[in-house]
């Protein structure tokens, strides 16, 4: 039992990260679905513009939490698929 005492710090930190992720989940999913629905035919420059200059300010204005450093590629695909 005493061997797990060191894990308490890591578990506490991880629990706090999960709480933050849960709060940001709605905004992150909203950005991801908007990206998939509307940005497909456009180049990366315009996609970034839509995210940073249009959608993120709109979510902020409506007080919908989202991750400021959201990586949509990592959210939509896993590492083994990227490796292929």
PDB file of N, CA and C in Angstrom:
ATOM      1  N   UNK A   1       0.816  -1.190   0.000  1.00  0.00           N
ATOM      2  CA  UNK A   1       0.000   0.000   0.000  1.00  0.00           C
ATOM      3  C   UNK A   1       0.863   1.259   0.000  1.00  0.00           C
ATOM      4  N   UNK A   2       1.932   1.227   0.790  1.00  0.00           N
ATOM      5  CA  UNK A   2       2.788   2.405   0.865  1.00  0.00           C
ATOM      6  C   UNK A   2       3.498   2.665  -0.461  1.00  0.00           C
ATOM      7  N   UNK A   3       3.648   1.647  -1.294  1.00  0.00           N
ATOM      8  CA  UNK A   3       4.266   1.814  -2.607  1.00  0.00           C
ATOM      9  C   UNK A   3       3.433   2.682  -3.537  1.00  0.00           C
ATOM     10  N   UNK A   4       2.142   2.753  -3.309  1.00  0.00           N
ATOM     11  CA  UNK A   4       1.253   3.563  -4.141  1.00  0.00           C
ATOM     12  C   UNK A   4       1.135   5.002  -3.667  1.00  0.00           C
ATOM     13  N   UNK A   5       1.707   5.320  -2.541  1.00  0.00           N
ATOM     14  CA  UNK A   5       1.594   6.680  -1.985  1.00  0.00           C
ATOM     15  C   UNK A   5       2.154   7.722  -2.947  1.00  0.00           C
ATOM     16  N   UNK A   6       3.220   7.391  -3.655  1.00  0.00           N
ATOM     17  CA  UNK A   6       3.808   8.321  -4.617  1.00  0.00           C
ATOM     18  C   UNK A   6       2.901   8.597  -5.799  1.00  0.00           C
ATOM     19  N   UNK A   7       2.001   7.697  -6.082  1.00  0.00           N
ATOM     20  CA  UNK A   7       1.075   7.863  -7.202  1.00  0.00           C
ATOM     21  C   UNK A   7      -0.032   8.863  -6.895  1.00  0.00           C
ATOM     22  N   UNK A   8      -0.244   9.153  -5.628  1.00  0.00           N
ATOM     23  CA  UNK A   8      -1.330  10.066  -5.244  1.00  0.00           C
ATOM     24  C   UNK A   8      -1.172  11.425  -5.910  1.00  0.00           C
ATOM     25  N   UNK A   9       0.047  11.937  -5.974  1.00  0.00           N
ATOM     26  CA  UNK A   9       0.298  13.239  -6.593  1.00  0.00           C
ATOM     27  C   UNK A   9      -0.074  13.186  -8.074  1.00  0.00           C
ATOM     28  N   UNK A  10       0.380  12.145  -8.749  1.00  0.00           N
ATOM     29  CA  UNK A  10       0.084  12.010 -10.182  1.00  0.00           C
ATOM     30  C   UNK A  10      -1.414  11.851 -10.411  1.00  0.00           C
ATOM     31  N   UNK A  11      -2.066  11.052  -9.597  1.00  0.00           N
ATOM     32  CA  UNK A  11      -3.511  10.854  -9.749  1.00  0.00           C
ATOM     33  C   UNK A  11      -4.272  12.150  -9.502  1.00  0.00           C
ATOM     34  N   UNK A  12      -3.836  12.923  -8.532  1.00  0.00           N
ATOM     35  CA  UNK A  12      -4.495  14.197  -8.236  1.00  0.00           C
ATOM     36  C   UNK A  12      -4.348  15.153  -9.414  1.00  0.00           C
ATOM     37  N   UNK A  13      -3.142  15.241  -9.970  1.00  0.00           N
ATOM     38  CA  UNK A  13      -2.921  16.103 -11.132  1.00  0.00           C
ATOM     39  C   UNK A  13      -3.754  15.641 -12.325  1.00  0.00           C
ATOM     40  N   UNK A  14      -3.779  14.340 -12.564  1.00  0.00           N
ATOM     41  CA  UNK A  14      -4.542  13.796 -13.683  1.00  0.00           C
ATOM     42  C   UNK A  14      -6.032  14.053 -13.501  1.00  0.00           C
ATOM     43  N   UNK A  15      -6.511  13.952 -12.278  1.00  0.00           N
ATOM     44  CA  UNK A  15      -7.920  14.223 -11.989  1.00  0.00           C
ATOM     45  C   UNK A  15      -8.278  15.670 -12.313  1.00  0.00           C
ATOM     46  N   UNK A  16      -7.385  16.599 -11.982  1.00  0.00           N
ATOM     47  CA  UNK A  16      -7.624  18.010 -12.284  1.00  0.00           C
ATOM     48  C   UNK A  16      -7.628  18.247 -13.791  1.00  0.00           C
ATOM     49  N   UNK A  17      -6.748  17.571 -14.521  1.00  0.00           N
ATOM     50  CA  UNK A  17      -6.720  17.698 -15.987  1.00  0.00           C
ATOM     51  C   UNK A  17      -8.015  17.165 -16.596  1.00  0.00           C
ATOM     52  N   UNK A  18      -8.509  16.048 -16.067  1.00  0.00           N
ATOM     53  CA  UNK A  18      -9.767  15.493 -16.570  1.00  0.00           C
ATOM     54  C   UNK A  18     -10.930  16.446 -16.337  1.00  0.00           C
ATOM     55  N   UNK A  19     -10.951  17.103 -15.178  1.00  0.00           N
ATOM     56  CA  UNK A  19     -12.011  18.079 -14.893  1.00  0.00           C
ATOM     57  C   UNK A  19     -11.984  19.216 -15.905  1.00  0.00           C
ATOM     58  N   UNK A  20     -10.789  19.703 -16.221  1.00  0.00           N
ATOM     59  CA  UNK A  20     -10.656  20.775 -17.216  1.00  0.00           C
ATOM     60  C   UNK A  20     -11.107  20.295 -18.587  1.00  0.00           C
ATOM     61  N   UNK A  21     -10.745  19.065 -18.950  1.00  0.00           N
ATOM     62  CA  UNK A  21     -11.154  18.515 -20.244  1.00  0.00           C
ATOM     63  C   UNK A  21     -12.661  18.364 -20.329  1.00  0.00           C
ATOM     64  N   UNK A  22     -13.285  17.970 -19.251  1.00  0.00           N
ATOM     65  CA  UNK A  22     -14.741  17.819 -19.245  1.00  0.00           C
ATOM     66  C   UNK A  22     -15.409  19.174 -19.452  1.00  0.00           C
ATOM     67  N   UNK A  23     -14.895  20.213 -18.800  1.00  0.00           N
ATOM     68  CA  UNK A  23     -15.465  21.547 -18.959  1.00  0.00           C
ATOM     69  C   UNK A  23     -15.333  22.060 -20.392  1.00  0.00           C
ATOM     70  N   UNK A  24     -14.229  21.702 -21.060  1.00  0.00           N
ATOM     71  CA  UNK A  24     -13.960  22.184 -22.414  1.00  0.00           C
ATOM     72  C   UNK A  24     -14.538  21.280 -23.494  1.00  0.00           C
ATOM     73  N   UNK A  25     -15.110  20.162 -23.114  1.00  0.00           N
ATOM     74  CA  UNK A  25     -15.546  19.161 -24.080  1.00  0.00           C
ATOM     75  C   UNK A  25     -16.560  19.696 -25.089  1.00  0.00           C
ATOM     76  N   UNK A  26     -17.570  20.400 -24.637  1.00  0.00           N
ATOM     77  CA  UNK A  26     -18.615  20.891 -25.536  1.00  0.00           C
ATOM     78  C   UNK A  26     -18.022  21.832 -26.583  1.00  0.00           C
ATOM     79  N   UNK A  27     -17.203  22.775 -26.151  1.00  0.00           N
ATOM     80  CA  UNK A  27     -16.590  23.708 -27.090  1.00  0.00           C
ATOM     81  C   UNK A  27     -15.654  23.012 -28.065  1.00  0.00           C
ATOM     82  N   UNK A  28     -14.872  22.061 -27.569  1.00  0.00           N
ATOM     83  CA  UNK A  28     -13.946  21.333 -28.440  1.00  0.00           C
ATOM     84  C   UNK A  28     -14.692  20.525 -29.500  1.00  0.00           C
ATOM     85  N   UNK A  29     -15.750  19.865 -29.087  1.00  0.00           N
ATOM     86  CA  UNK A  29     -16.534  19.074 -30.037  1.00  0.00           C
ATOM     87  C   UNK A  29     -17.238  19.992 -31.034  1.00  0.00           C
ATOM     88  N   UNK A  30     -17.703  21.121 -30.578  1.00  0.00           N
ATOM     89  CA  UNK A  30     -18.337  22.092 -31.473  1.00  0.00           C
ATOM     90  C   UNK A  30     -17.352  22.572 -32.536  1.00  0.00           C
ATOM     91  N   UNK A  31     -16.126  22.893 -32.132  1.00  0.00           N
ATOM     92  CA  UNK A  31     -15.103  23.303 -33.093  1.00  0.00           C
ATOM     93  C   UNK A  31     -14.769  22.170 -34.064  1.00  0.00           C
ATOM     94  N   UNK A  32     -14.654  20.956 -33.550  1.00  0.00           N
ATOM     95  CA  UNK A  32     -14.313  19.821 -34.411  1.00  0.00           C
ATOM     96  C   UNK A  32     -15.412  19.526 -35.424  1.00  0.00           C
ATOM     97  N   UNK A  33     -16.664  19.565 -34.995  1.00  0.00           N
ATOM     98  CA  UNK A  33     -17.752  19.282 -35.934  1.00  0.00           C
ATOM     99  C   UNK A  33     -17.909  20.398 -36.956  1.00  0.00           C
ATOM    100  N   UNK A  34     -17.709  21.631 -36.519  1.00  0.00           N
ATOM    101  CA  UNK A  34     -17.735  22.744 -37.476  1.00  0.00           C
ATOM    102  C   UNK A  34     -16.620  22.619 -38.487  1.00  0.00           C
ATOM    103  N   UNK A  35     -15.456  22.243 -38.018  1.00  0.00           N
ATOM    104  CA  UNK A  35     -14.317  22.047 -38.902  1.00  0.00           C
ATOM    105  C   UNK A  35     -14.617  20.966 -39.939  1.00  0.00           C
ATOM    106  N   UNK A  36     -15.137  19.831 -39.475  1.00  0.00           N
ATOM    107  CA  UNK A  36     -15.456  18.731 -40.396  1.00  0.00           C
ATOM    108  C   UNK A  36     -16.563  19.099 -41.374  1.00  0.00           C
ATOM    109  N   UNK A  37     -17.545  19.835 -40.910  1.00  0.00           N
ATOM    110  CA  UNK A  37     -18.691  20.162 -41.749  1.00  0.00           C
ATOM    111  C   UNK A  37     -18.423  21.247 -42.777  1.00  0.00           C
ATOM    112  N   UNK A  38     -17.642  22.251 -42.406  1.00  0.00           N
ATOM    113  CA  UNK A  38     -17.532  23.432 -43.255  1.00  0.00           C
ATOM    114  C   UNK A  38     -16.160  23.690 -43.865  1.00  0.00           C
ATOM    115  N   UNK A  39     -15.108  23.133 -43.295  1.00  0.00           N
ATOM    116  CA  UNK A  39     -13.759  23.513 -43.741  1.00  0.00           C
ATOM    117  C   UNK A  39     -13.107  22.539 -44.716  1.00  0.00           C
ATOM    118  N   UNK A  40     -13.724  21.423 -44.979  1.00  0.00           N
ATOM    119  CA  UNK A  40     -13.124  20.418 -45.845  1.00  0.00           C
ATOM    120  C   UNK A  40     -12.615  20.913 -47.185  1.00  0.00           C
ATOM    121  N   UNK A  41     -13.398  21.664 -47.939  1.00  0.00           N
ATOM    122  CA  UNK A  41     -12.958  22.043 -49.279  1.00  0.00           C
ATOM    123  C   UNK A  41     -11.938  23.178 -49.324  1.00  0.00           C
ATOM    124  N   UNK A  42     -11.588  23.753 -48.178  1.00  0.00           N
ATOM    125  CA  UNK A  42     -10.706  24.921 -48.170  1.00  0.00           C
ATOM    126  C   UNK A  42      -9.278  24.546 -47.805  1.00  0.00           C
ATOM    127  N   UNK A  43      -8.333  25.452 -48.103  1.00  0.00           N
ATOM    128  CA  UNK A  43      -6.937  25.194 -47.765  1.00  0.00           C
ATOM    129  C   UNK A  43      -6.692  25.447 -46.276  1.00  0.00           C
ATOM    130  N   UNK A  44      -5.515  25.045 -45.811  1.00  0.00           N
ATOM    131  CA  UNK A  44      -5.210  25.127 -44.382  1.00  0.00           C
ATOM    132  C   UNK A  44      -5.190  26.563 -43.872  1.00  0.00           C
ATOM    133  N   UNK A  45      -4.742  27.488 -44.682  1.00  0.00           N
ATOM    134  CA  UNK A  45      -4.697  28.887 -44.267  1.00  0.00           C
ATOM    135  C   UNK A  45      -6.104  29.402 -43.949  1.00  0.00           C
ATOM    136  N   UNK A  46      -7.060  29.097 -44.816  1.00  0.00           N
ATOM    137  CA  UNK A  46      -8.434  29.546 -44.581  1.00  0.00           C
ATOM    138  C   UNK A  46      -9.053  28.789 -43.408  1.00  0.00           C
ATOM    139  N   UNK A  47      -8.721  27.509 -43.254  1.00  0.00           N
ATOM    140  CA  UNK A  47      -9.238  26.730 -42.118  1.00  0.00           C
ATOM    141  C   UNK A  47      -8.783  27.352 -40.801  1.00  0.00           C
ATOM    142  N   UNK A  48      -7.500  27.684 -40.723  1.00  0.00           N
ATOM    143  CA  UNK A  48      -6.978  28.313 -39.504  1.00  0.00           C
ATOM    144  C   UNK A  48      -7.652  29.653 -39.250  1.00  0.00           C
ATOM    145  N   UNK A  49      -7.881  30.410 -40.317  1.00  0.00           N
ATOM    146  CA  UNK A  49      -8.570  31.695 -40.183  1.00  0.00           C
ATOM    147  C   UNK A  49      -9.967  31.486 -39.602  1.00  0.00           C
ATOM    148  N   UNK A  50     -10.688  30.513 -40.134  1.00  0.00           N
ATOM    149  CA  UNK A  50     -12.049  30.251 -39.637  1.00  0.00           C
ATOM    150  C   UNK A  50     -12.029  29.890 -38.154  1.00  0.00           C
ATOM    151  N   UNK A  51     -11.092  29.056 -37.763  1.00  0.00           N
ATOM    152  CA  UNK A  51     -11.023  28.651 -36.362  1.00  0.00           C
ATOM    153  C   UNK A  51     -10.645  29.812 -35.450  1.00  0.00           C
ATOM    154  N   UNK A  52      -9.562  30.493 -35.777  1.00  0.00           N
ATOM    155  CA  UNK A  52      -9.000  31.506 -34.877  1.00  0.00           C
ATOM    156  C   UNK A  52      -9.726  32.848 -34.926  1.00  0.00           C
ATOM    157  N   UNK A  53     -10.232  33.214 -36.079  1.00  0.00           N
ATOM    158  CA  UNK A  53     -10.807  34.551 -36.231  1.00  0.00           C
ATOM    159  C   UNK A  53     -12.343  34.569 -36.208  1.00  0.00           C
ATOM    160  N   UNK A  54     -12.944  33.424 -36.364  1.00  0.00           N
ATOM    161  CA  UNK A  54     -14.401  33.400 -36.434  1.00  0.00           C
ATOM    162  C   UNK A  54     -15.011  32.549 -35.318  1.00  0.00           C
ATOM    163  N   UNK A  55     -14.684  31.273 -35.292  1.00  0.00           N
ATOM    164  CA  UNK A  55     -15.365  30.368 -34.369  1.00  0.00           C
ATOM    165  C   UNK A  55     -14.913  30.518 -32.926  1.00  0.00           C
ATOM    166  N   UNK A  56     -13.602  30.594 -32.695  1.00  0.00           N
ATOM    167  CA  UNK A  56     -13.132  30.732 -31.319  1.00  0.00           C
ATOM    168  C   UNK A  56     -13.629  32.022 -30.666  1.00  0.00           C
ATOM    169  N   UNK A  57     -13.572  33.177 -31.359  1.00  0.00           N
ATOM    170  CA  UNK A  57     -14.152  34.384 -30.744  1.00  0.00           C
ATOM    171  C   UNK A  57     -15.654  34.248 -30.469  1.00  0.00           C
ATOM    172  N   UNK A  58     -16.361  33.553 -31.342  1.00  0.00           N
ATOM    173  CA  UNK A  58     -17.801  33.347 -31.134  1.00  0.00           C
ATOM    174  C   UNK A  58     -18.056  32.509 -29.881  1.00  0.00           C
ATOM    175  N   UNK A  59     -17.270  31.452 -29.706  1.00  0.00           N
ATOM    176  CA  UNK A  59     -17.420  30.629 -28.499  1.00  0.00           C
ATOM    177  C   UNK A  59     -17.073  31.439 -27.251  1.00  0.00           C
ATOM    178  N   UNK A  60     -16.022  32.238 -27.331  1.00  0.00           N
ATOM    179  CA  UNK A  60     -15.630  33.077 -26.193  1.00  0.00           C
ATOM    180  C   UNK A  60     -16.731  34.071 -25.843  1.00  0.00           C
ATOM    181  N   UNK A  61     -17.305  34.683 -26.857  1.00  0.00           N
ATOM    182  CA  UNK A  61     -18.376  35.655 -26.637  1.00  0.00           C
ATOM    183  C   UNK A  61     -19.573  35.010 -25.961  1.00  0.00           C
ATOM    184  N   UNK A  62     -19.862  33.783 -26.335  1.00  0.00           N
ATOM    185  CA  UNK A  62     -21.004  33.066 -25.747  1.00  0.00           C
ATOM    186  C   UNK A  62     -20.638  32.309 -24.469  1.00  0.00           C
ATOM    187  N   UNK A  63     -19.379  32.498 -24.025  1.00  0.00           N
ATOM    188  CA  UNK A  63     -18.888  31.883 -22.785  1.00  0.00           C
ATOM    189  C   UNK A  63     -18.960  30.355 -22.819  1.00  0.00           C
ATOM    190  N   UNK A  64     -18.639  29.788 -23.968  1.00  0.00           N
ATOM    191  CA  UNK A  64     -18.550  28.333 -24.117  1.00  0.00           C
ATOM    192  C   UNK A  64     -17.071  27.965 -24.002  1.00  0.00           C
ATOM    193  N   UNK A  65     -16.684  27.248 -22.952  1.00  0.00           N
ATOM    194  CA  UNK A  65     -15.265  26.928 -22.774  1.00  0.00           C
ATOM    195  C   UNK A  65     -14.751  25.967 -23.854  1.00  0.00           C
ATOM    196  N   UNK A  66     -13.512  26.176 -24.269  1.00  0.00           N
ATOM    197  CA  UNK A  66     -12.843  25.295 -25.219  1.00  0.00           C
ATOM    198  C   UNK A  66     -11.347  25.379 -24.951  1.00  0.00           C
ATOM    199  N   UNK A  67     -10.611  24.401 -25.425  1.00  0.00           N
ATOM    200  CA  UNK A  67      -9.163  24.385 -25.234  1.00  0.00           C
ATOM    201  C   UNK A  67      -8.526  25.378 -26.198  1.00  0.00           C
ATOM    202  N   UNK A  68      -7.757  26.298 -25.669  1.00  0.00           N
ATOM    203  CA  UNK A  68      -7.100  27.287 -26.517  1.00  0.00           C
ATOM    204  C   UNK A  68      -6.040  26.680 -27.418  1.00  0.00           C
ATOM    205  N   UNK A  69      -5.499  25.550 -27.011  1.00  0.00           N
ATOM    206  CA  UNK A  69      -4.466  24.885 -27.796  1.00  0.00           C
ATOM    207  C   UNK A  69      -5.000  23.602 -28.447  1.00  0.00           C
ATOM    208  N   UNK A  70      -6.249  23.617 -28.810  1.00  0.00           N
ATOM    209  CA  UNK A  70      -6.893  22.436 -29.378  1.00  0.00           C
ATOM    210  C   UNK A  70      -6.208  22.009 -30.672  1.00  0.00           C
ATOM    211  N   UNK A  71      -5.817  20.741 -30.731  1.00  0.00           N
ATOM    212  CA  UNK A  71      -5.217  20.164 -31.922  1.00  0.00           C
ATOM    213  C   UNK A  71      -6.279  19.280 -32.578  1.00  0.00           C
ATOM    214  N   UNK A  72      -6.931  19.820 -33.593  1.00  0.00           N
ATOM    215  CA  UNK A  72      -8.031  19.080 -34.228  1.00  0.00           C
ATOM    216  C   UNK A  72      -7.561  17.796 -34.888  1.00  0.00           C
ATOM    217  N   UNK A  73      -6.369  17.810 -35.448  1.00  0.00           N
ATOM    218  CA  UNK A  73      -5.851  16.604 -36.093  1.00  0.00           C
ATOM    219  C   UNK A  73      -5.719  15.482 -35.058  1.00  0.00           C
ATOM    220  N   UNK A  74      -5.136  15.787 -33.900  1.00  0.00           N
ATOM    221  CA  UNK A  74      -4.987  14.784 -32.848  1.00  0.00           C
ATOM    222  C   UNK A  74      -6.340  14.338 -32.307  1.00  0.00           C
ATOM    223  N   UNK A  75      -7.314  15.231 -32.328  1.00  0.00           N
ATOM    224  CA  UNK A  75      -8.644  14.897 -31.828  1.00  0.00           C
ATOM    225  C   UNK A  75      -9.390  13.972 -32.792  1.00  0.00           C
ATOM    226  N   UNK A  76      -9.101  14.101 -34.071  1.00  0.00           N
ATOM    227  CA  UNK A  76      -9.863  13.374 -35.083  1.00  0.00           C
ATOM    228  C   UNK A  76      -9.206  12.090 -35.579  1.00  0.00           C
ATOM    229  N   UNK A  77      -7.931  11.887 -35.256  1.00  0.00           N
ATOM    230  CA  UNK A  77      -7.235  10.722 -35.765  1.00  0.00           C
ATOM    231  C   UNK A  77      -6.243  10.225 -34.729  1.00  0.00           C
ATOM    232  N   UNK A  78      -5.963   8.934 -34.709  1.00  0.00           N
ATOM    233  CA  UNK A  78      -5.024   8.388 -33.738  1.00  0.00           C
ATOM    234  C   UNK A  78      -3.637   8.202 -34.366  1.00  0.00           C
ATOM    235  N   UNK A  79      -2.634   8.044 -33.519  1.00  0.00           N
ATOM    236  CA  UNK A  79      -1.239   7.975 -33.983  1.00  0.00           C
ATOM    237  C   UNK A  79      -0.971   6.803 -34.943  1.00  0.00           C
ATOM    238  N   UNK A  80      -1.514   5.595 -34.713  1.00  0.00           N
ATOM    239  CA  UNK A  80      -1.260   4.511 -35.671  1.00  0.00           C
ATOM    240  C   UNK A  80      -1.780   4.810 -37.079  1.00  0.00           C
ATOM    241  N   UNK A  81      -2.920   5.487 -37.161  1.00  0.00           N
ATOM    242  CA  UNK A  81      -3.464   5.829 -38.473  1.00  0.00           C
ATOM    243  C   UNK A  81      -2.577   6.855 -39.166  1.00  0.00           C
ATOM    244  N   UNK A  82      -2.073   7.817 -38.416  1.00  0.00           N
ATOM    245  CA  UNK A  82      -1.151   8.789 -38.986  1.00  0.00           C
ATOM    246  C   UNK A  82       0.103   8.097 -39.497  1.00  0.00           C
ATOM    247  N   UNK A  83       0.578   7.110 -38.741  1.00  0.00           N
ATOM    248  CA  UNK A  83       1.779   6.354 -39.126  1.00  0.00           C
ATOM    249  C   UNK A  83       1.627   5.603 -40.425  1.00  0.00           C
ATOM    250  N   UNK A  84       0.416   5.166 -40.715  1.00  0.00           N
ATOM    251  CA  UNK A  84       0.174   4.430 -41.975  1.00  0.00           C
ATOM    252  C   UNK A  84       0.330   5.361 -43.138  1.00  0.00           C
TER     253      UNK A  84
END
